[in-house]
Amino acid sequence: MTDSGADQRPAFTTVLFSTFTTVFVAELGDKTQLATLLLSAQSGSPWLVFVGAATALIASSLVGVLVGRWLSQVLSPERLELMAGVLMVGLGLWLGFQACQSLLQTPVGA
C-alpha cells in the first residue's frame, strides 16, 4: 500500500533555499550584524570575528531547531503557527510602544 501524501515533506532544495533566504534576509542590518561589524573593526582580526560569529549563529540556530522540533511534537502545526504569529505581533507592538516612548521623551532639536 502506498502512502497517499499523509507525510509529504517539501524537497530538500526547497527547504534549504527557503531557510537560507529567510535567515539571511532577517539577519541583514540587525544588531547582531552591527555588533559583528564593530567587533571586526575594533579587533583587527576579521577572520576570528567571522569564525566566532558563525559559530554563535550555528549554536543559536541549533537551539531553535531543537526547540522547534520538540514543539512540533507537542503542539499541532496550526497551534504553533498561531502562537508564533501572536508572539511576532506582540513583539512588534512592544517595540513600537518602546519607540514611541523614546520619541516622546527626546527633546526637540536633540
N, C-alpha and C. Protein backbone atom coordinates (compact mmCIF):
# COMPACT_ATOMS: atom_id res chain seq x y z
N MET A 1 0.83 -1.18 0.00
CA MET A 1 0.00 0.00 0.00
C MET A 1 0.88 1.24 0.00
N THR A 2 0.53 2.22 -0.79
CA THR A 2 1.33 3.43 -0.86
C THR A 2 0.74 4.50 0.03
N ASP A 3 1.61 5.34 0.51
CA ASP A 3 1.19 6.47 1.34
C ASP A 3 0.71 7.57 0.40
N SER A 4 -0.50 8.01 0.56
CA SER A 4 -1.09 8.98 -0.36
C SER A 4 -0.86 10.42 0.09
N GLY A 5 0.33 10.70 0.61
CA GLY A 5 0.66 12.09 0.95
C GLY A 5 0.42 12.45 2.39
N ALA A 6 0.21 11.47 3.27
CA ALA A 6 -0.04 11.78 4.67
C ALA A 6 1.17 12.45 5.32
N ASP A 7 2.37 12.10 4.86
CA ASP A 7 3.58 12.67 5.45
C ASP A 7 4.47 13.26 4.37
N GLN A 8 3.87 14.01 3.44
CA GLN A 8 4.66 14.62 2.39
C GLN A 8 5.46 15.77 2.96
N ARG A 9 6.74 15.81 2.59
CA ARG A 9 7.61 16.89 3.02
C ARG A 9 8.12 17.61 1.79
N PRO A 10 8.43 18.91 1.94
CA PRO A 10 8.99 19.65 0.81
C PRO A 10 10.35 19.08 0.41
N ALA A 11 10.73 19.32 -0.81
CA ALA A 11 12.00 18.83 -1.32
C ALA A 11 13.17 19.44 -0.55
N PHE A 12 14.27 18.73 -0.50
CA PHE A 12 15.48 19.16 0.20
C PHE A 12 15.90 20.56 -0.23
N THR A 13 15.98 20.80 -1.52
CA THR A 13 16.43 22.10 -2.01
C THR A 13 15.45 23.22 -1.66
N THR A 14 14.17 22.91 -1.63
CA THR A 14 13.16 23.90 -1.27
C THR A 14 13.34 24.34 0.18
N VAL A 15 13.51 23.38 1.07
CA VAL A 15 13.70 23.70 2.49
C VAL A 15 15.01 24.45 2.70
N LEU A 16 16.07 23.98 2.06
CA LEU A 16 17.38 24.61 2.21
C LEU A 16 17.35 26.05 1.70
N PHE A 17 16.80 26.26 0.51
CA PHE A 17 16.76 27.60 -0.08
C PHE A 17 15.88 28.55 0.72
N SER A 18 14.70 28.08 1.13
CA SER A 18 13.80 28.96 1.88
C SER A 18 14.36 29.29 3.26
N THR A 19 15.03 28.34 3.90
CA THR A 19 15.66 28.60 5.20
C THR A 19 16.79 29.60 5.05
N PHE A 20 17.67 29.36 4.07
CA PHE A 20 18.79 30.28 3.84
C PHE A 20 18.28 31.69 3.57
N THR A 21 17.32 31.81 2.67
CA THR A 21 16.81 33.12 2.28
C THR A 21 16.17 33.83 3.47
N THR A 22 15.35 33.13 4.22
CA THR A 22 14.66 33.72 5.36
C THR A 22 15.65 34.21 6.41
N VAL A 23 16.61 33.36 6.79
CA VAL A 23 17.57 33.75 7.82
C VAL A 23 18.49 34.85 7.32
N PHE A 24 18.94 34.75 6.06
CA PHE A 24 19.84 35.76 5.51
C PHE A 24 19.18 37.13 5.50
N VAL A 25 17.96 37.21 5.02
CA VAL A 25 17.26 38.49 4.95
C VAL A 25 16.95 39.00 6.36
N ALA A 26 16.56 38.10 7.26
CA ALA A 26 16.23 38.52 8.63
C ALA A 26 17.45 39.06 9.36
N GLU A 27 18.61 38.55 9.05
CA GLU A 27 19.83 38.97 9.75
C GLU A 27 20.46 40.23 9.18
N LEU A 28 20.07 40.63 7.97
CA LEU A 28 20.67 41.83 7.38
C LEU A 28 20.33 43.07 8.20
N GLY A 29 21.36 43.78 8.61
CA GLY A 29 21.16 45.05 9.31
C GLY A 29 20.65 44.94 10.73
N ASP A 30 20.61 43.74 11.29
CA ASP A 30 20.14 43.65 12.67
C ASP A 30 21.29 43.94 13.63
N LYS A 31 20.99 44.00 14.92
CA LYS A 31 22.01 44.38 15.89
C LYS A 31 23.15 43.38 15.96
N THR A 32 22.90 42.11 15.66
CA THR A 32 23.97 41.12 15.65
C THR A 32 24.97 41.43 14.54
N GLN A 33 24.47 41.76 13.38
CA GLN A 33 25.37 42.09 12.27
C GLN A 33 26.15 43.36 12.57
N LEU A 34 25.49 44.34 13.17
CA LEU A 34 26.19 45.58 13.53
C LEU A 34 27.25 45.33 14.60
N ALA A 35 26.94 44.48 15.57
CA ALA A 35 27.93 44.14 16.60
C ALA A 35 29.12 43.42 15.98
N THR A 36 28.85 42.52 15.03
CA THR A 36 29.93 41.81 14.34
C THR A 36 30.79 42.79 13.55
N LEU A 37 30.15 43.74 12.90
CA LEU A 37 30.88 44.76 12.15
C LEU A 37 31.81 45.55 13.07
N LEU A 38 31.29 45.96 14.23
CA LEU A 38 32.10 46.72 15.18
C LEU A 38 33.23 45.88 15.76
N LEU A 39 32.94 44.63 16.10
CA LEU A 39 33.99 43.75 16.63
C LEU A 39 35.10 43.54 15.61
N SER A 40 34.73 43.39 14.37
CA SER A 40 35.72 43.20 13.31
C SER A 40 36.59 44.43 13.16
N ALA A 41 35.96 45.59 13.21
CA ALA A 41 36.72 46.84 13.07
C ALA A 41 37.64 47.07 14.26
N GLN A 42 37.17 46.75 15.47
CA GLN A 42 37.95 47.01 16.68
C GLN A 42 39.07 45.99 16.88
N SER A 43 38.80 44.74 16.53
CA SER A 43 39.76 43.68 16.86
C SER A 43 40.94 43.62 15.92
N GLY A 44 40.72 44.02 14.68
CA GLY A 44 41.78 43.87 13.69
C GLY A 44 41.97 42.43 13.25
N SER A 45 41.07 41.54 13.67
CA SER A 45 41.13 40.11 13.32
C SER A 45 39.80 39.68 12.71
N PRO A 46 39.51 40.12 11.48
CA PRO A 46 38.20 39.84 10.90
C PRO A 46 37.89 38.35 10.76
N TRP A 47 38.90 37.53 10.49
CA TRP A 47 38.63 36.09 10.34
C TRP A 47 38.25 35.45 11.66
N LEU A 48 38.87 35.87 12.76
CA LEU A 48 38.49 35.34 14.07
C LEU A 48 37.08 35.79 14.45
N VAL A 49 36.76 37.03 14.13
CA VAL A 49 35.40 37.52 14.39
C VAL A 49 34.40 36.74 13.55
N PHE A 50 34.74 36.48 12.28
CA PHE A 50 33.85 35.69 11.42
C PHE A 50 33.61 34.30 11.99
N VAL A 51 34.69 33.63 12.42
CA VAL A 51 34.55 32.28 12.97
C VAL A 51 33.71 32.31 14.25
N GLY A 52 33.97 33.28 15.11
CA GLY A 52 33.18 33.40 16.34
C GLY A 52 31.71 33.68 16.07
N ALA A 53 31.44 34.60 15.15
CA ALA A 53 30.05 34.96 14.83
C ALA A 53 29.34 33.79 14.14
N ALA A 54 30.04 33.10 13.23
CA ALA A 54 29.43 31.97 12.53
C ALA A 54 29.12 30.84 13.50
N THR A 55 30.04 30.58 14.43
CA THR A 55 29.82 29.54 15.44
C THR A 55 28.63 29.90 16.33
N ALA A 56 28.54 31.17 16.71
CA ALA A 56 27.42 31.61 17.54
C ALA A 56 26.09 31.46 16.80
N LEU A 57 26.07 31.81 15.51
CA LEU A 57 24.84 31.66 14.72
C LEU A 57 24.45 30.19 14.59
N ILE A 58 25.44 29.34 14.40
CA ILE A 58 25.16 27.90 14.31
C ILE A 58 24.59 27.40 15.64
N ALA A 59 25.19 27.81 16.76
CA ALA A 59 24.71 27.36 18.07
C ALA A 59 23.30 27.86 18.35
N SER A 60 23.02 29.13 18.06
CA SER A 60 21.67 29.65 18.31
C SER A 60 20.66 29.02 17.35
N SER A 61 21.08 28.73 16.13
CA SER A 61 20.19 28.05 15.19
C SER A 61 19.89 26.63 15.65
N LEU A 62 20.90 25.96 16.22
CA LEU A 62 20.69 24.61 16.74
C LEU A 62 19.64 24.62 17.86
N VAL A 63 19.73 25.61 18.74
CA VAL A 63 18.72 25.73 19.80
C VAL A 63 17.33 25.91 19.18
N GLY A 64 17.23 26.77 18.17
CA GLY A 64 15.94 26.99 17.51
C GLY A 64 15.41 25.73 16.85
N VAL A 65 16.28 24.98 16.20
CA VAL A 65 15.86 23.74 15.54
C VAL A 65 15.40 22.72 16.57
N LEU A 66 16.15 22.56 17.65
CA LEU A 66 15.79 21.57 18.67
C LEU A 66 14.48 21.93 19.37
N VAL A 67 14.33 23.22 19.71
CA VAL A 67 13.09 23.65 20.36
C VAL A 67 11.92 23.53 19.38
N GLY A 68 12.16 23.91 18.12
CA GLY A 68 11.10 23.78 17.11
C GLY A 68 10.68 22.33 16.90
N ARG A 69 11.65 21.44 16.87
CA ARG A 69 11.34 20.01 16.72
C ARG A 69 10.51 19.50 17.89
N TRP A 70 10.91 19.90 19.11
CA TRP A 70 10.17 19.48 20.29
C TRP A 70 8.76 20.06 20.29
N LEU A 71 8.64 21.36 19.95
CA LEU A 71 7.31 21.97 19.91
C LEU A 71 6.41 21.33 18.86
N SER A 72 7.00 20.92 17.74
CA SER A 72 6.19 20.28 16.69
C SER A 72 5.66 18.92 17.14
N GLN A 73 6.29 18.34 18.14
CA GLN A 73 5.82 17.05 18.65
C GLN A 73 4.75 17.19 19.71
N VAL A 74 4.72 18.36 20.39
CA VAL A 74 3.73 18.54 21.46
C VAL A 74 2.57 19.45 21.06
N LEU A 75 2.72 20.19 19.96
CA LEU A 75 1.66 21.09 19.50
C LEU A 75 1.32 20.81 18.05
N SER A 76 0.09 21.06 17.68
CA SER A 76 -0.30 20.91 16.28
C SER A 76 0.33 22.05 15.47
N PRO A 77 0.55 21.83 14.18
CA PRO A 77 1.14 22.89 13.34
C PRO A 77 0.32 24.18 13.36
N GLU A 78 -1.00 24.04 13.39
CA GLU A 78 -1.86 25.22 13.41
C GLU A 78 -1.67 26.02 14.70
N ARG A 79 -1.59 25.32 15.83
CA ARG A 79 -1.41 25.97 17.13
C ARG A 79 -0.04 26.65 17.18
N LEU A 80 0.98 25.96 16.67
CA LEU A 80 2.33 26.51 16.65
C LEU A 80 2.40 27.77 15.79
N GLU A 81 1.75 27.73 14.64
CA GLU A 81 1.72 28.90 13.75
C GLU A 81 0.99 30.06 14.40
N LEU A 82 -0.12 29.78 15.07
CA LEU A 82 -0.88 30.82 15.76
C LEU A 82 -0.04 31.45 16.88
N MET A 83 0.63 30.60 17.65
CA MET A 83 1.46 31.10 18.75
C MET A 83 2.61 31.96 18.22
N ALA A 84 3.23 31.53 17.13
CA ALA A 84 4.32 32.31 16.53
C ALA A 84 3.80 33.65 16.03
N GLY A 85 2.63 33.65 15.41
CA GLY A 85 2.04 34.89 14.93
C GLY A 85 1.71 35.85 16.05
N VAL A 86 1.12 35.34 17.11
CA VAL A 86 0.79 36.17 18.27
C VAL A 86 2.06 36.74 18.90
N LEU A 87 3.11 35.90 18.99
CA LEU A 87 4.38 36.36 19.53
C LEU A 87 4.97 37.47 18.68
N MET A 88 4.95 37.32 17.37
CA MET A 88 5.51 38.34 16.48
C MET A 88 4.72 39.65 16.56
N VAL A 89 3.40 39.56 16.58
CA VAL A 89 2.57 40.77 16.71
C VAL A 89 2.84 41.43 18.06
N GLY A 90 2.91 40.62 19.11
CA GLY A 90 3.21 41.16 20.45
C GLY A 90 4.55 41.86 20.50
N LEU A 91 5.57 41.24 19.92
CA LEU A 91 6.90 41.87 19.89
C LEU A 91 6.88 43.16 19.08
N GLY A 92 6.17 43.16 17.96
CA GLY A 92 6.05 44.36 17.14
C GLY A 92 5.38 45.49 17.90
N LEU A 93 4.29 45.18 18.60
CA LEU A 93 3.60 46.20 19.38
C LEU A 93 4.47 46.72 20.51
N TRP A 94 5.16 45.82 21.19
CA TRP A 94 6.03 46.21 22.29
C TRP A 94 7.17 47.11 21.79
N LEU A 95 7.81 46.73 20.69
CA LEU A 95 8.89 47.54 20.13
C LEU A 95 8.36 48.89 19.64
N GLY A 96 7.18 48.90 19.05
CA GLY A 96 6.57 50.15 18.61
C GLY A 96 6.27 51.06 19.79
N PHE A 97 5.76 50.48 20.87
CA PHE A 97 5.49 51.24 22.09
C PHE A 97 6.78 51.83 22.65
N GLN A 98 7.84 51.03 22.69
CA GLN A 98 9.14 51.50 23.18
C GLN A 98 9.66 52.65 22.31
N ALA A 99 9.50 52.52 20.99
CA ALA A 99 9.97 53.57 20.08
C ALA A 99 9.17 54.86 20.29
N CYS A 100 7.86 54.74 20.46
CA CYS A 100 7.02 55.92 20.70
C CYS A 100 7.42 56.61 22.01
N GLN A 101 7.66 55.83 23.04
CA GLN A 101 8.09 56.40 24.32
C GLN A 101 9.41 57.14 24.15
N SER A 102 10.32 56.54 23.43
CA SER A 102 11.63 57.15 23.20
C SER A 102 11.50 58.46 22.43
N LEU A 103 10.64 58.47 21.42
CA LEU A 103 10.44 59.68 20.63
C LEU A 103 9.79 60.78 21.47
N LEU A 104 8.86 60.42 22.32
CA LEU A 104 8.17 61.41 23.14
C LEU A 104 9.08 61.99 24.22
N GLN A 105 10.08 61.21 24.65
CA GLN A 105 10.99 61.68 25.71
C GLN A 105 12.20 62.43 25.16
N THR A 106 12.42 62.38 23.86
CA THR A 106 13.55 63.06 23.26
C THR A 106 13.23 64.54 23.09
N PRO A 107 14.06 65.42 23.62
CA PRO A 107 13.80 66.86 23.47
C PRO A 107 13.90 67.28 22.00
N VAL A 108 13.12 68.27 21.64
CA VAL A 108 13.14 68.79 20.27
C VAL A 108 14.51 69.41 20.01
N GLY A 109 15.09 69.08 18.86
CA GLY A 109 16.39 69.62 18.50
C GLY A 109 17.56 68.81 19.02
N ALA A 110 17.27 67.69 19.67
CA ALA A 110 18.36 66.87 20.22
C ALA A 110 18.91 65.94 19.18
